[in-house]
Amino acid sequence: MDLYTTGWAMATMMAEAQMVVGLRCLGLAGVWAVAPGETQRMVSEKAPVFAQAGQDAWAKALSGARPDEVMAAWLRPISRKTHANSVRLAKRGPKFR
């Protein structure tokens, strides 16, 4: 992975993360249909994902990888989670009373 590809992956992850935040805010406001445990989920999912990202990045760095490869290793678990969350939340749709 080169720097351009890593940058594009970072931008994609950030856009999906913003979408997740927006959909969760709409869910908290009662406008978007979310699962009952979504509030707990949005708090509890972060620590394991960031721990995995740090572990992957350190392993890559200690193996002598280039900086863009270390960044890509750090980004991979976070991107998987943000993508999965954006797809899952987008499927729920607006809440009609």
PDB file of N, CA and C in Angstrom:
ATOM      1  N   MET A   1       0.843  -1.175   0.000  1.00  0.00           N
ATOM      2  CA  MET A   1       0.000   0.000   0.000  1.00  0.00           C
ATOM      3  C   MET A   1       0.891   1.243   0.000  1.00  0.00           C
ATOM      4  N   ASP A   2       0.605   2.201  -0.847  1.00  0.00           N
ATOM      5  CA  ASP A   2       1.400   3.425  -0.870  1.00  0.00           C
ATOM      6  C   ASP A   2       0.693   4.536  -0.092  1.00  0.00           C
ATOM      7  N   LEU A   3       1.321   5.679  -0.026  1.00  0.00           N
ATOM      8  CA  LEU A   3       0.793   6.786   0.759  1.00  0.00           C
ATOM      9  C   LEU A   3      -0.546   7.280   0.214  1.00  0.00           C
ATOM     10  N   TYR A   4      -0.687   7.331  -1.109  1.00  0.00           N
ATOM     11  CA  TYR A   4      -1.945   7.763  -1.709  1.00  0.00           C
ATOM     12  C   TYR A   4      -3.081   6.811  -1.330  1.00  0.00           C
ATOM     13  N   THR A   5      -2.842   5.536  -1.462  1.00  0.00           N
ATOM     14  CA  THR A   5      -3.864   4.540  -1.133  1.00  0.00           C
ATOM     15  C   THR A   5      -4.224   4.592   0.349  1.00  0.00           C
ATOM     16  N   THR A   6      -3.228   4.753   1.196  1.00  0.00           N
ATOM     17  CA  THR A   6      -3.468   4.852   2.635  1.00  0.00           C
ATOM     18  C   THR A   6      -4.273   6.113   2.957  1.00  0.00           C
ATOM     19  N   GLY A   7      -3.941   7.212   2.300  1.00  0.00           N
ATOM     20  CA  GLY A   7      -4.698   8.449   2.496  1.00  0.00           C
ATOM     21  C   GLY A   7      -6.137   8.319   2.067  1.00  0.00           C
ATOM     22  N   TRP A   8      -6.355   7.647   0.945  1.00  0.00           N
ATOM     23  CA  TRP A   8      -7.713   7.432   0.463  1.00  0.00           C
ATOM     24  C   TRP A   8      -8.490   6.531   1.435  1.00  0.00           C
ATOM     25  N   ALA A   9      -7.849   5.514   1.954  1.00  0.00           N
ATOM     26  CA  ALA A   9      -8.495   4.626   2.934  1.00  0.00           C
ATOM     27  C   ALA A   9      -8.854   5.410   4.203  1.00  0.00           C
ATOM     28  N   MET A  10      -7.978   6.322   4.620  1.00  0.00           N
ATOM     29  CA  MET A  10      -8.250   7.155   5.791  1.00  0.00           C
ATOM     30  C   MET A  10      -9.451   8.067   5.533  1.00  0.00           C
ATOM     31  N   ALA A  11      -9.498   8.688   4.363  1.00  0.00           N
ATOM     32  CA  ALA A  11     -10.618   9.567   4.025  1.00  0.00           C
ATOM     33  C   ALA A  11     -11.936   8.793   3.983  1.00  0.00           C
ATOM     34  N   THR A  12     -11.901   7.601   3.433  1.00  0.00           N
ATOM     35  CA  THR A  12     -13.103   6.762   3.386  1.00  0.00           C
ATOM     36  C   THR A  12     -13.572   6.394   4.788  1.00  0.00           C
ATOM     37  N   MET A  13     -12.631   6.001   5.633  1.00  0.00           N
ATOM     38  CA  MET A  13     -12.981   5.655   7.012  1.00  0.00           C
ATOM     39  C   MET A  13     -13.584   6.854   7.738  1.00  0.00           C
ATOM     40  N   MET A  14     -13.005   8.036   7.530  1.00  0.00           N
ATOM     41  CA  MET A  14     -13.510   9.230   8.204  1.00  0.00           C
ATOM     42  C   MET A  14     -14.924   9.580   7.734  1.00  0.00           C
ATOM     43  N   ALA A  15     -15.193   9.439   6.448  1.00  0.00           N
ATOM     44  CA  ALA A  15     -16.533   9.709   5.929  1.00  0.00           C
ATOM     45  C   ALA A  15     -17.545   8.717   6.505  1.00  0.00           C
ATOM     46  N   GLU A  16     -17.165   7.448   6.563  1.00  0.00           N
ATOM     47  CA  GLU A  16     -18.071   6.444   7.142  1.00  0.00           C
ATOM     48  C   GLU A  16     -18.282   6.686   8.633  1.00  0.00           C
ATOM     49  N   ALA A  17     -17.240   7.112   9.331  1.00  0.00           N
ATOM     50  CA  ALA A  17     -17.378   7.401  10.757  1.00  0.00           C
ATOM     51  C   ALA A  17     -18.346   8.563  10.973  1.00  0.00           C
ATOM     52  N   GLN A  18     -18.266   9.584  10.133  1.00  0.00           N
ATOM     53  CA  GLN A  18     -19.198  10.712  10.250  1.00  0.00           C
ATOM     54  C   GLN A  18     -20.628  10.269   9.973  1.00  0.00           C
ATOM     55  N   MET A  19     -20.792   9.369   9.022  1.00  0.00           N
ATOM     56  CA  MET A  19     -22.116   8.844   8.728  1.00  0.00           C
ATOM     57  C   MET A  19     -22.674   8.083   9.932  1.00  0.00           C
ATOM     58  N   VAL A  20     -21.819   7.284  10.562  1.00  0.00           N
ATOM     59  CA  VAL A  20     -22.236   6.523  11.742  1.00  0.00           C
ATOM     60  C   VAL A  20     -22.650   7.473  12.870  1.00  0.00           C
ATOM     61  N   VAL A  21     -21.851   8.508  13.102  1.00  0.00           N
ATOM     62  CA  VAL A  21     -22.183   9.485  14.146  1.00  0.00           C
ATOM     63  C   VAL A  21     -23.519  10.152  13.837  1.00  0.00           C
ATOM     64  N   GLY A  22     -23.704  10.546  12.594  1.00  0.00           N
ATOM     65  CA  GLY A  22     -24.955  11.186  12.197  1.00  0.00           C
ATOM     66  C   GLY A  22     -26.163  10.285  12.377  1.00  0.00           C
ATOM     67  N   LEU A  23     -26.049   9.040  11.938  1.00  0.00           N
ATOM     68  CA  LEU A  23     -27.174   8.112  12.070  1.00  0.00           C
ATOM     69  C   LEU A  23     -27.460   7.786  13.528  1.00  0.00           C
ATOM     70  N   ARG A  24     -26.422   7.689  14.341  1.00  0.00           N
ATOM     71  CA  ARG A  24     -26.638   7.436  15.763  1.00  0.00           C
ATOM     72  C   ARG A  24     -27.281   8.638  16.446  1.00  0.00           C
ATOM     73  N   CYS A  25     -26.893   9.835  16.056  1.00  0.00           N
ATOM     74  CA  CYS A  25     -27.538  11.039  16.607  1.00  0.00           C
ATOM     75  C   CYS A  25     -29.005  11.090  16.208  1.00  0.00           C
ATOM     76  N   LEU A  26     -29.291  10.756  14.959  1.00  0.00           N
ATOM     77  CA  LEU A  26     -30.685  10.694  14.531  1.00  0.00           C
ATOM     78  C   LEU A  26     -31.450   9.627  15.306  1.00  0.00           C
ATOM     79  N   GLY A  27     -30.780   8.521  15.598  1.00  0.00           N
ATOM     80  CA  GLY A  27     -31.406   7.473  16.398  1.00  0.00           C
ATOM     81  C   GLY A  27     -31.706   7.936  17.812  1.00  0.00           C
ATOM     82  N   LEU A  28     -30.753   8.661  18.419  1.00  0.00           N
ATOM     83  CA  LEU A  28     -30.975   9.192  19.765  1.00  0.00           C
ATOM     84  C   LEU A  28     -32.097  10.217  19.780  1.00  0.00           C
ATOM     85  N   ALA A  29     -32.280  10.935  18.667  1.00  0.00           N
ATOM     86  CA  ALA A  29     -33.346  11.930  18.567  1.00  0.00           C
ATOM     87  C   ALA A  29     -34.694  11.294  18.240  1.00  0.00           C
ATOM     88  N   GLY A  30     -34.685   9.999  17.925  1.00  0.00           N
ATOM     89  CA  GLY A  30     -35.926   9.296  17.619  1.00  0.00           C
ATOM     90  C   GLY A  30     -36.363   9.396  16.173  1.00  0.00           C
ATOM     91  N   VAL A  31     -35.477   9.857  15.308  1.00  0.00           N
ATOM     92  CA  VAL A  31     -35.807  10.029  13.895  1.00  0.00           C
ATOM     93  C   VAL A  31     -35.412   8.802  13.065  1.00  0.00           C
ATOM     94  N   TRP A  32     -34.337   8.129  13.468  1.00  0.00           N
ATOM     95  CA  TRP A  32     -33.814   6.977  12.723  1.00  0.00           C
ATOM     96  C   TRP A  32     -34.009   5.728  13.569  1.00  0.00           C
ATOM     97  N   ALA A  33     -34.436   4.654  12.955  1.00  0.00           N
ATOM     98  CA  ALA A  33     -34.643   3.398  13.677  1.00  0.00           C
ATOM     99  C   ALA A  33     -33.290   2.765  13.994  1.00  0.00           C
ATOM    100  N   VAL A  34     -33.000   2.611  15.264  1.00  0.00           N
ATOM    101  CA  VAL A  34     -31.769   1.938  15.688  1.00  0.00           C
ATOM    102  C   VAL A  34     -32.124   0.811  16.646  1.00  0.00           C
ATOM    103  N   ALA A  35     -31.221  -0.118  16.795  1.00  0.00           N
ATOM    104  CA  ALA A  35     -31.436  -1.249  17.707  1.00  0.00           C
ATOM    105  C   ALA A  35     -31.471  -0.738  19.151  1.00  0.00           C
ATOM    106  N   PRO A  36     -32.176  -1.423  20.032  1.00  0.00           N
ATOM    107  CA  PRO A  36     -32.271  -0.976  21.424  1.00  0.00           C
ATOM    108  C   PRO A  36     -30.920  -0.814  22.128  1.00  0.00           C
ATOM    109  N   GLY A  37     -29.930  -1.611  21.820  1.00  0.00           N
ATOM    110  CA  GLY A  37     -28.651  -1.540  22.505  1.00  0.00           C
ATOM    111  C   GLY A  37     -27.618  -0.649  21.816  1.00  0.00           C
ATOM    112  N   GLU A  38     -28.051   0.213  20.912  1.00  0.00           N
ATOM    113  CA  GLU A  38     -27.104   1.010  20.120  1.00  0.00           C
ATOM    114  C   GLU A  38     -26.280   1.959  20.980  1.00  0.00           C
ATOM    115  N   THR A  39     -26.866   2.547  22.001  1.00  0.00           N
ATOM    116  CA  THR A  39     -26.121   3.473  22.859  1.00  0.00           C
ATOM    117  C   THR A  39     -24.989   2.749  23.569  1.00  0.00           C
ATOM    118  N   GLN A  40     -25.266   1.586  24.102  1.00  0.00           N
ATOM    119  CA  GLN A  40     -24.223   0.792  24.764  1.00  0.00           C
ATOM    120  C   GLN A  40     -23.173   0.330  23.757  1.00  0.00           C
ATOM    121  N   ARG A  41     -23.634  -0.053  22.588  1.00  0.00           N
ATOM    122  CA  ARG A  41     -22.717  -0.552  21.560  1.00  0.00           C
ATOM    123  C   ARG A  41     -21.717   0.509  21.122  1.00  0.00           C
ATOM    124  N   MET A  42     -22.192   1.759  20.971  1.00  0.00           N
ATOM    125  CA  MET A  42     -21.298   2.801  20.475  1.00  0.00           C
ATOM    126  C   MET A  42     -20.197   3.143  21.469  1.00  0.00           C
ATOM    127  N   VAL A  43     -20.388   2.797  22.723  1.00  0.00           N
ATOM    128  CA  VAL A  43     -19.357   3.027  23.731  1.00  0.00           C
ATOM    129  C   VAL A  43     -18.442   1.802  23.847  1.00  0.00           C
ATOM    130  N   SER A  44     -19.029   0.633  23.901  1.00  0.00           N
ATOM    131  CA  SER A  44     -18.251  -0.581  24.187  1.00  0.00           C
ATOM    132  C   SER A  44     -17.409  -1.083  23.016  1.00  0.00           C
ATOM    133  N   GLU A  45     -17.723  -0.695  21.797  1.00  0.00           N
ATOM    134  CA  GLU A  45     -16.995  -1.228  20.646  1.00  0.00           C
ATOM    135  C   GLU A  45     -15.641  -0.550  20.418  1.00  0.00           C
ATOM    136  N   LYS A  46     -15.449   0.633  20.976  1.00  0.00           N
ATOM    137  CA  LYS A  46     -14.252   1.407  20.652  1.00  0.00           C
ATOM    138  C   LYS A  46     -12.961   0.840  21.237  1.00  0.00           C
ATOM    139  N   ALA A  47     -12.964   0.471  22.501  1.00  0.00           N
ATOM    140  CA  ALA A  47     -11.733   0.000  23.151  1.00  0.00           C
ATOM    141  C   ALA A  47     -11.140  -1.234  22.463  1.00  0.00           C
ATOM    142  N   PRO A  48     -11.928  -2.271  22.189  1.00  0.00           N
ATOM    143  CA  PRO A  48     -11.324  -3.442  21.522  1.00  0.00           C
ATOM    144  C   PRO A  48     -10.785  -3.135  20.125  1.00  0.00           C
ATOM    145  N   VAL A  49     -11.492  -2.283  19.382  1.00  0.00           N
ATOM    146  CA  VAL A  49     -11.048  -1.969  18.019  1.00  0.00           C
ATOM    147  C   VAL A  49      -9.749  -1.165  18.050  1.00  0.00           C
ATOM    148  N   PHE A  50      -9.663  -0.162  18.931  1.00  0.00           N
ATOM    149  CA  PHE A  50      -8.438   0.627  18.998  1.00  0.00           C
ATOM    150  C   PHE A  50      -7.277  -0.184  19.570  1.00  0.00           C
ATOM    151  N   ALA A  51      -7.555  -1.097  20.473  1.00  0.00           N
ATOM    152  CA  ALA A  51      -6.494  -1.970  20.982  1.00  0.00           C
ATOM    153  C   ALA A  51      -5.959  -2.854  19.864  1.00  0.00           C
ATOM    154  N   GLN A  52      -6.846  -3.411  19.049  1.00  0.00           N
ATOM    155  CA  GLN A  52      -6.421  -4.244  17.923  1.00  0.00           C
ATOM    156  C   GLN A  52      -5.636  -3.419  16.913  1.00  0.00           C
ATOM    157  N   ALA A  53      -6.089  -2.201  16.660  1.00  0.00           N
ATOM    158  CA  ALA A  53      -5.389  -1.332  15.705  1.00  0.00           C
ATOM    159  C   ALA A  53      -3.967  -1.029  16.198  1.00  0.00           C
ATOM    160  N   GLY A  54      -3.844  -0.722  17.473  1.00  0.00           N
ATOM    161  CA  GLY A  54      -2.518  -0.451  18.030  1.00  0.00           C
ATOM    162  C   GLY A  54      -1.611  -1.661  17.972  1.00  0.00           C
ATOM    163  N   GLN A  55      -2.169  -2.813  18.286  1.00  0.00           N
ATOM    164  CA  GLN A  55      -1.390  -4.044  18.245  1.00  0.00           C
ATOM    165  C   GLN A  55      -0.921  -4.344  16.820  1.00  0.00           C
ATOM    166  N   ASP A  56      -1.812  -4.184  15.858  1.00  0.00           N
ATOM    167  CA  ASP A  56      -1.450  -4.441  14.461  1.00  0.00           C
ATOM    168  C   ASP A  56      -0.377  -3.469  13.972  1.00  0.00           C
ATOM    169  N   ALA A  57      -0.512  -2.189  14.357  1.00  0.00           N
ATOM    170  CA  ALA A  57       0.464  -1.189  13.931  1.00  0.00           C
ATOM    171  C   ALA A  57       1.830  -1.459  14.553  1.00  0.00           C
ATOM    172  N   TRP A  58       1.858  -1.790  15.841  1.00  0.00           N
ATOM    173  CA  TRP A  58       3.131  -2.092  16.494  1.00  0.00           C
ATOM    174  C   TRP A  58       3.797  -3.315  15.869  1.00  0.00           C
ATOM    175  N   ALA A  59       3.024  -4.336  15.595  1.00  0.00           N
ATOM    176  CA  ALA A  59       3.594  -5.541  14.979  1.00  0.00           C
ATOM    177  C   ALA A  59       4.205  -5.207  13.626  1.00  0.00           C
ATOM    178  N   LYS A  60       3.510  -4.387  12.862  1.00  0.00           N
ATOM    179  CA  LYS A  60       4.012  -3.995  11.548  1.00  0.00           C
ATOM    180  C   LYS A  60       5.276  -3.142  11.680  1.00  0.00           C
ATOM    181  N   ALA A  61       5.268  -2.204  12.634  1.00  0.00           N
ATOM    182  CA  ALA A  61       6.426  -1.329  12.839  1.00  0.00           C
ATOM    183  C   ALA A  61       7.644  -2.122  13.294  1.00  0.00           C
ATOM    184  N   LEU A  62       7.437  -3.061  14.195  1.00  0.00           N
ATOM    185  CA  LEU A  62       8.544  -3.855  14.703  1.00  0.00           C
ATOM    186  C   LEU A  62       9.115  -4.813  13.663  1.00  0.00           C
ATOM    187  N   SER A  63       8.319  -5.085  12.634  1.00  0.00           N
ATOM    188  CA  SER A  63       8.825  -5.949  11.566  1.00  0.00           C
ATOM    189  C   SER A  63       9.621  -5.164  10.525  1.00  0.00           C
ATOM    190  N   GLY A  64       9.725  -3.844  10.730  1.00  0.00           N
ATOM    191  CA  GLY A  64      10.513  -3.026   9.819  1.00  0.00           C
ATOM    192  C   GLY A  64       9.749  -2.489   8.629  1.00  0.00           C
ATOM    193  N   ALA A  65       8.439  -2.424   8.735  1.00  0.00           N
ATOM    194  CA  ALA A  65       7.617  -1.956   7.620  1.00  0.00           C
ATOM    195  C   ALA A  65       7.772  -0.445   7.413  1.00  0.00           C
ATOM    196  N   ARG A  66       7.402   0.000   6.221  1.00  0.00           N
ATOM    197  CA  ARG A  66       7.400   1.429   5.900  1.00  0.00           C
ATOM    198  C   ARG A  66       6.290   2.137   6.680  1.00  0.00           C
ATOM    199  N   PRO A  67       6.385   3.456   6.858  1.00  0.00           N
ATOM    200  CA  PRO A  67       5.358   4.197   7.599  1.00  0.00           C
ATOM    201  C   PRO A  67       3.942   4.042   7.040  1.00  0.00           C
ATOM    202  N   ASP A  68       3.818   4.026   5.704  1.00  0.00           N
ATOM    203  CA  ASP A  68       2.480   3.865   5.134  1.00  0.00           C
ATOM    204  C   ASP A  68       1.918   2.477   5.424  1.00  0.00           C
ATOM    205  N   GLU A  69       2.771   1.477   5.522  1.00  0.00           N
ATOM    206  CA  GLU A  69       2.313   0.125   5.860  1.00  0.00           C
ATOM    207  C   GLU A  69       1.891   0.045   7.326  1.00  0.00           C
ATOM    208  N   VAL A  70       2.604   0.745   8.196  1.00  0.00           N
ATOM    209  CA  VAL A  70       2.226   0.786   9.616  1.00  0.00           C
ATOM    210  C   VAL A  70       0.871   1.468   9.751  1.00  0.00           C
ATOM    211  N   MET A  71       0.705   2.593   9.048  1.00  0.00           N
ATOM    212  CA  MET A  71      -0.567   3.322   9.092  1.00  0.00           C
ATOM    213  C   MET A  71      -1.708   2.462   8.547  1.00  0.00           C
ATOM    214  N   ALA A  72      -1.466   1.755   7.480  1.00  0.00           N
ATOM    215  CA  ALA A  72      -2.494   0.888   6.900  1.00  0.00           C
ATOM    216  C   ALA A  72      -2.878  -0.224   7.875  1.00  0.00           C
ATOM    217  N   ALA A  73      -1.891  -0.772   8.576  1.00  0.00           N
ATOM    218  CA  ALA A  73      -2.182  -1.820   9.563  1.00  0.00           C
ATOM    219  C   ALA A  73      -3.018  -1.269  10.709  1.00  0.00           C
ATOM    220  N   TRP A  74      -2.731  -0.031  11.130  1.00  0.00           N
ATOM    221  CA  TRP A  74      -3.509   0.610  12.194  1.00  0.00           C
ATOM    222  C   TRP A  74      -4.929   0.889  11.727  1.00  0.00           C
ATOM    223  N   LEU A  75      -5.059   1.293  10.481  1.00  0.00           N
ATOM    224  CA  LEU A  75      -6.347   1.717   9.943  1.00  0.00           C
ATOM    225  C   LEU A  75      -7.298   0.554   9.651  1.00  0.00           C
ATOM    226  N   ARG A  76      -6.754  -0.608   9.315  1.00  0.00           N
ATOM    227  CA  ARG A  76      -7.572  -1.735   8.867  1.00  0.00           C
ATOM    228  C   ARG A  76      -8.680  -2.139   9.847  1.00  0.00           C
ATOM    229  N   PRO A  77      -8.405  -2.388  11.138  1.00  0.00           N
ATOM    230  CA  PRO A  77      -9.491  -2.793  12.041  1.00  0.00           C
ATOM    231  C   PRO A  77     -10.517  -1.681  12.265  1.00  0.00           C
ATOM    232  N   ILE A  78     -10.057  -0.448  12.278  1.00  0.00           N
ATOM    233  CA  ILE A  78     -10.976   0.674  12.470  1.00  0.00           C
ATOM    234  C   ILE A  78     -11.882   0.825  11.256  1.00  0.00           C
ATOM    235  N   SER A  79     -11.313   0.692  10.074  1.00  0.00           N
ATOM    236  CA  SER A  79     -12.101   0.798   8.839  1.00  0.00           C
ATOM    237  C   SER A  79     -13.146  -0.303   8.737  1.00  0.00           C
ATOM    238  N   ARG A  80     -12.757  -1.513   9.137  1.00  0.00           N
ATOM    239  CA  ARG A  80     -13.725  -2.618   9.106  1.00  0.00           C
ATOM    240  C   ARG A  80     -14.927  -2.306   9.995  1.00  0.00           C
ATOM    241  N   LYS A  81     -14.656  -1.774  11.181  1.00  0.00           N
ATOM    242  CA  LYS A  81     -15.744  -1.477  12.128  1.00  0.00           C
ATOM    243  C   LYS A  81     -16.616  -0.324  11.634  1.00  0.00           C
ATOM    244  N   THR A  82     -15.998   0.757  11.144  1.00  0.00           N
ATOM    245  CA  THR A  82     -16.803   1.884  10.680  1.00  0.00           C
ATOM    246  C   THR A  82     -17.635   1.495   9.456  1.00  0.00           C
ATOM    247  N   HIS A  83     -17.054   0.697   8.566  1.00  0.00           N
ATOM    248  CA  HIS A  83     -17.811   0.255   7.396  1.00  0.00           C
ATOM    249  C   HIS A  83     -18.993  -0.628   7.807  1.00  0.00           C
ATOM    250  N   ALA A  84     -18.740  -1.573   8.693  1.00  0.00           N
ATOM    251  CA  ALA A  84     -19.816  -2.459   9.152  1.00  0.00           C
ATOM    252  C   ALA A  84     -20.920  -1.655   9.848  1.00  0.00           C
ATOM    253  N   ASN A  85     -20.535  -0.693  10.667  1.00  0.00           N
ATOM    254  CA  ASN A  85     -21.523   0.133  11.357  1.00  0.00           C
ATOM    255  C   ASN A  85     -22.335   0.978  10.382  1.00  0.00           C
ATOM    256  N   SER A  86     -21.675   1.569   9.392  1.00  0.00           N
ATOM    257  CA  SER A  86     -22.400   2.417   8.442  1.00  0.00           C
ATOM    258  C   SER A  86     -23.400   1.599   7.625  1.00  0.00           C
ATOM    259  N   VAL A  87     -23.001   0.414   7.213  1.00  0.00           N
ATOM    260  CA  VAL A  87     -23.918  -0.452   6.451  1.00  0.00           C
ATOM    261  C   VAL A  87     -25.087  -0.893   7.334  1.00  0.00           C
ATOM    262  N   ARG A  88     -24.789  -1.318   8.556  1.00  0.00           N
ATOM    263  CA  ARG A  88     -25.829  -1.801   9.461  1.00  0.00           C
ATOM    264  C   ARG A  88     -26.828  -0.702   9.808  1.00  0.00           C
ATOM    265  N   LEU A  89     -26.327   0.482  10.136  1.00  0.00           N
ATOM    266  CA  LEU A  89     -27.219   1.570  10.530  1.00  0.00           C
ATOM    267  C   LEU A  89     -28.011   2.117   9.349  1.00  0.00           C
ATOM    268  N   ALA A  90     -27.405   2.167   8.170  1.00  0.00           N
ATOM    269  CA  ALA A  90     -28.106   2.681   6.991  1.00  0.00           C
ATOM    270  C   ALA A  90     -29.269   1.787   6.593  1.00  0.00           C
ATOM    271  N   LYS A  91     -29.166   0.490   6.859  1.00  0.00           N
ATOM    272  CA  LYS A  91     -30.241  -0.435   6.522  1.00  0.00           C
ATOM    273  C   LYS A  91     -31.496  -0.204   7.346  1.00  0.00           C
ATOM    274  N   ARG A  92     -31.325   0.363   8.546  1.00  0.00           N
ATOM    275  CA  ARG A  92     -32.459   0.515   9.458  1.00  0.00           C
ATOM    276  C   ARG A  92     -33.519   1.481   8.919  1.00  0.00           C
ATOM    277  N   GLY A  93     -33.130   2.596   8.397  1.00  0.00           N
ATOM    278  CA  GLY A  93     -34.054   3.555   7.802  1.00  0.00           C
ATOM    279  C   GLY A  93     -34.722   4.471   8.799  1.00  0.00           C
ATOM    280  N   PRO A  94     -35.460   5.447   8.254  1.00  0.00           N
ATOM    281  CA  PRO A  94     -36.130   6.419   9.116  1.00  0.00           C
ATOM    282  C   PRO A  94     -37.232   5.760   9.949  1.00  0.00           C
ATOM    283  N   LYS A  95     -37.517   6.412  11.039  1.00  0.00           N
ATOM    284  CA  LYS A  95     -38.520   5.882  11.960  1.00  0.00           C
ATOM    285  C   LYS A  95     -39.833   6.612  11.719  1.00  0.00           C
ATOM    286  N   PHE A  96     -40.838   5.879  11.345  1.00  0.00           N
ATOM    287  CA  PHE A  96     -42.158   6.461  11.130  1.00  0.00           C
ATOM    288  C   PHE A  96     -43.056   6.083  12.304  1.00  0.00           C
ATOM    289  N   ARG A  97     -43.791   7.028  12.778  1.00  0.00           N
ATOM    290  CA  ARG A  97     -44.670   6.761  13.939  1.00  0.00           C
ATOM    291  C   ARG A  97     -46.007   6.256  13.502  1.00  0.00           C
TER     292      ARG A  97
END
